[in-house]
N, C-alpha and C. Protein backbone atom coordinates (compact mmCIF):
# COMPACT_ATOMS: atom_id res chain seq x y z
N MET A 1 -31.08 -143.09 17.04
CA MET A 1 -29.69 -143.04 17.42
C MET A 1 -29.56 -142.20 18.69
N LEU A 2 -29.45 -142.86 19.85
CA LEU A 2 -29.34 -142.18 21.13
C LEU A 2 -27.88 -141.94 21.46
N PRO A 3 -27.59 -140.80 22.09
CA PRO A 3 -26.20 -140.54 22.47
C PRO A 3 -25.75 -141.49 23.57
N SER A 4 -24.48 -141.81 23.59
CA SER A 4 -23.93 -142.67 24.64
C SER A 4 -23.91 -141.91 25.96
N PRO A 5 -23.83 -142.64 27.09
CA PRO A 5 -23.82 -141.94 28.39
C PRO A 5 -22.69 -140.92 28.52
N GLN A 6 -21.53 -141.22 27.93
CA GLN A 6 -20.42 -140.27 28.02
C GLN A 6 -20.74 -139.00 27.24
N SER A 7 -21.31 -139.13 26.06
CA SER A 7 -21.62 -137.94 25.28
C SER A 7 -22.77 -137.16 25.92
N ARG A 8 -23.66 -137.86 26.65
CA ARG A 8 -24.71 -137.16 27.39
C ARG A 8 -24.11 -136.27 28.47
N SER A 9 -23.11 -136.78 29.19
CA SER A 9 -22.50 -135.98 30.24
C SER A 9 -21.73 -134.80 29.63
N GLU A 10 -21.11 -135.02 28.48
CA GLU A 10 -20.42 -133.93 27.80
C GLU A 10 -21.42 -132.87 27.34
N LEU A 11 -22.56 -133.34 26.83
CA LEU A 11 -23.61 -132.43 26.39
C LEU A 11 -24.15 -131.61 27.56
N THR A 12 -24.34 -132.28 28.69
CA THR A 12 -24.82 -131.59 29.90
C THR A 12 -23.80 -130.55 30.36
N THR A 13 -22.54 -130.91 30.31
CA THR A 13 -21.48 -129.96 30.70
C THR A 13 -21.45 -128.76 29.77
N GLN A 14 -21.56 -129.01 28.46
CA GLN A 14 -21.57 -127.91 27.50
C GLN A 14 -22.76 -126.98 27.73
N LEU A 15 -23.92 -127.57 28.01
CA LEU A 15 -25.12 -126.78 28.26
C LEU A 15 -24.96 -125.95 29.52
N ALA A 16 -24.38 -126.53 30.56
CA ALA A 16 -24.18 -125.80 31.82
C ALA A 16 -23.23 -124.62 31.62
N VAL A 17 -22.15 -124.84 30.90
CA VAL A 17 -21.19 -123.76 30.65
C VAL A 17 -21.82 -122.66 29.80
N ALA A 18 -22.59 -123.06 28.80
CA ALA A 18 -23.26 -122.07 27.95
C ALA A 18 -24.28 -121.26 28.75
N CYS A 19 -25.01 -121.92 29.66
CA CYS A 19 -25.98 -121.21 30.50
C CYS A 19 -25.28 -120.23 31.43
N LEU A 20 -24.15 -120.63 31.98
CA LEU A 20 -23.41 -119.73 32.86
C LEU A 20 -22.92 -118.50 32.10
N GLY A 21 -22.40 -118.72 30.92
CA GLY A 21 -21.92 -117.59 30.11
C GLY A 21 -23.05 -116.65 29.73
N ALA A 22 -24.17 -117.21 29.31
CA ALA A 22 -25.31 -116.38 28.94
C ALA A 22 -25.93 -115.73 30.17
N GLY A 23 -25.85 -116.42 31.31
CA GLY A 23 -26.42 -115.89 32.55
C GLY A 23 -25.73 -114.64 33.04
N VAL A 24 -24.45 -114.50 32.76
CA VAL A 24 -23.72 -113.30 33.17
C VAL A 24 -24.29 -112.08 32.45
N VAL A 25 -24.48 -112.19 31.16
CA VAL A 25 -25.04 -111.08 30.38
C VAL A 25 -26.48 -110.83 30.79
N THR A 26 -27.22 -111.90 31.07
CA THR A 26 -28.61 -111.77 31.49
C THR A 26 -28.71 -111.03 32.82
N SER A 27 -27.81 -111.32 33.72
CA SER A 27 -27.81 -110.63 35.03
C SER A 27 -27.64 -109.14 34.85
N ILE A 28 -26.78 -108.74 33.95
CA ILE A 28 -26.58 -107.32 33.69
C ILE A 28 -27.84 -106.70 33.10
N ALA A 29 -28.49 -107.42 32.18
CA ALA A 29 -29.72 -106.91 31.56
C ALA A 29 -30.83 -106.77 32.58
N VAL A 30 -30.97 -107.72 33.49
CA VAL A 30 -32.01 -107.64 34.53
C VAL A 30 -31.70 -106.48 35.48
N ALA A 31 -30.43 -106.28 35.78
CA ALA A 31 -30.05 -105.17 36.65
C ALA A 31 -30.40 -103.83 36.04
N GLN A 32 -30.44 -103.78 34.70
CA GLN A 32 -30.77 -102.54 34.02
C GLN A 32 -32.26 -102.42 33.74
N GLY A 33 -33.07 -103.39 34.22
CA GLY A 33 -34.51 -103.25 34.12
C GLY A 33 -35.24 -104.17 33.18
N GLN A 34 -34.57 -105.12 32.58
CA GLN A 34 -35.26 -106.05 31.67
C GLN A 34 -36.11 -107.03 32.49
N ASN A 35 -37.21 -107.47 31.90
CA ASN A 35 -38.09 -108.44 32.54
C ASN A 35 -37.30 -109.73 32.78
N PRO A 36 -37.29 -110.27 34.02
CA PRO A 36 -36.52 -111.48 34.31
C PRO A 36 -36.97 -112.70 33.49
N LEU A 37 -38.26 -112.84 33.20
CA LEU A 37 -38.72 -113.98 32.40
C LEU A 37 -38.22 -113.89 30.96
N THR A 38 -38.23 -112.70 30.42
CA THR A 38 -37.68 -112.50 29.07
C THR A 38 -36.19 -112.82 29.06
N ALA A 39 -35.49 -112.36 30.07
CA ALA A 39 -34.05 -112.61 30.17
C ALA A 39 -33.77 -114.10 30.30
N LEU A 40 -34.59 -114.81 31.07
CA LEU A 40 -34.40 -116.25 31.22
C LEU A 40 -34.64 -116.98 29.89
N GLY A 41 -35.64 -116.55 29.16
CA GLY A 41 -35.90 -117.15 27.85
C GLY A 41 -34.76 -116.93 26.89
N ILE A 42 -34.21 -115.73 26.89
CA ILE A 42 -33.07 -115.43 26.03
C ILE A 42 -31.86 -116.26 26.44
N THR A 43 -31.65 -116.43 27.73
CA THR A 43 -30.53 -117.23 28.23
C THR A 43 -30.64 -118.68 27.77
N LEU A 44 -31.83 -119.26 27.95
CA LEU A 44 -32.02 -120.65 27.55
C LEU A 44 -31.86 -120.83 26.04
N PHE A 45 -32.43 -119.91 25.27
CA PHE A 45 -32.31 -119.99 23.81
C PHE A 45 -30.85 -119.90 23.38
N SER A 46 -30.12 -118.95 23.93
CA SER A 46 -28.73 -118.78 23.51
C SER A 46 -27.86 -119.95 23.95
N ALA A 47 -28.16 -120.53 25.11
CA ALA A 47 -27.38 -121.69 25.57
C ALA A 47 -27.62 -122.89 24.66
N VAL A 48 -28.87 -123.15 24.33
CA VAL A 48 -29.19 -124.28 23.45
C VAL A 48 -28.59 -124.06 22.07
N ALA A 49 -28.68 -122.82 21.56
CA ALA A 49 -28.11 -122.52 20.25
C ALA A 49 -26.59 -122.71 20.26
N ALA A 50 -25.93 -122.31 21.34
CA ALA A 50 -24.47 -122.47 21.44
C ALA A 50 -24.09 -123.93 21.43
N VAL A 51 -24.83 -124.76 22.15
CA VAL A 51 -24.52 -126.19 22.19
C VAL A 51 -24.78 -126.82 20.81
N MET A 52 -25.86 -126.43 20.17
CA MET A 52 -26.15 -126.97 18.83
C MET A 52 -25.06 -126.62 17.84
N VAL A 53 -24.61 -125.38 17.86
CA VAL A 53 -23.53 -124.97 16.96
C VAL A 53 -22.25 -125.72 17.30
N GLY A 54 -21.99 -125.89 18.60
CA GLY A 54 -20.81 -126.64 19.02
C GLY A 54 -20.83 -128.07 18.56
N GLN A 55 -22.00 -128.69 18.51
CA GLN A 55 -22.11 -130.07 18.06
C GLN A 55 -21.87 -130.18 16.57
N VAL A 56 -22.29 -129.17 15.81
CA VAL A 56 -22.11 -129.19 14.37
C VAL A 56 -20.64 -128.97 14.00
N LEU A 57 -19.99 -128.06 14.71
CA LEU A 57 -18.58 -127.78 14.43
C LEU A 57 -17.76 -128.86 15.06
């Protein structure tokens, strides 16, 4: 069961918004000395988790 093209664009938009939101907090963490690769991993994980939860709700 593949998502329709419209739902793919919605999914992409949700992922982009989630990454931007998580990226703000990540930027602050990197500014305070956190490893940038660790921060990027946390950002990607939290963005994907937010989209997954959004799809379920």
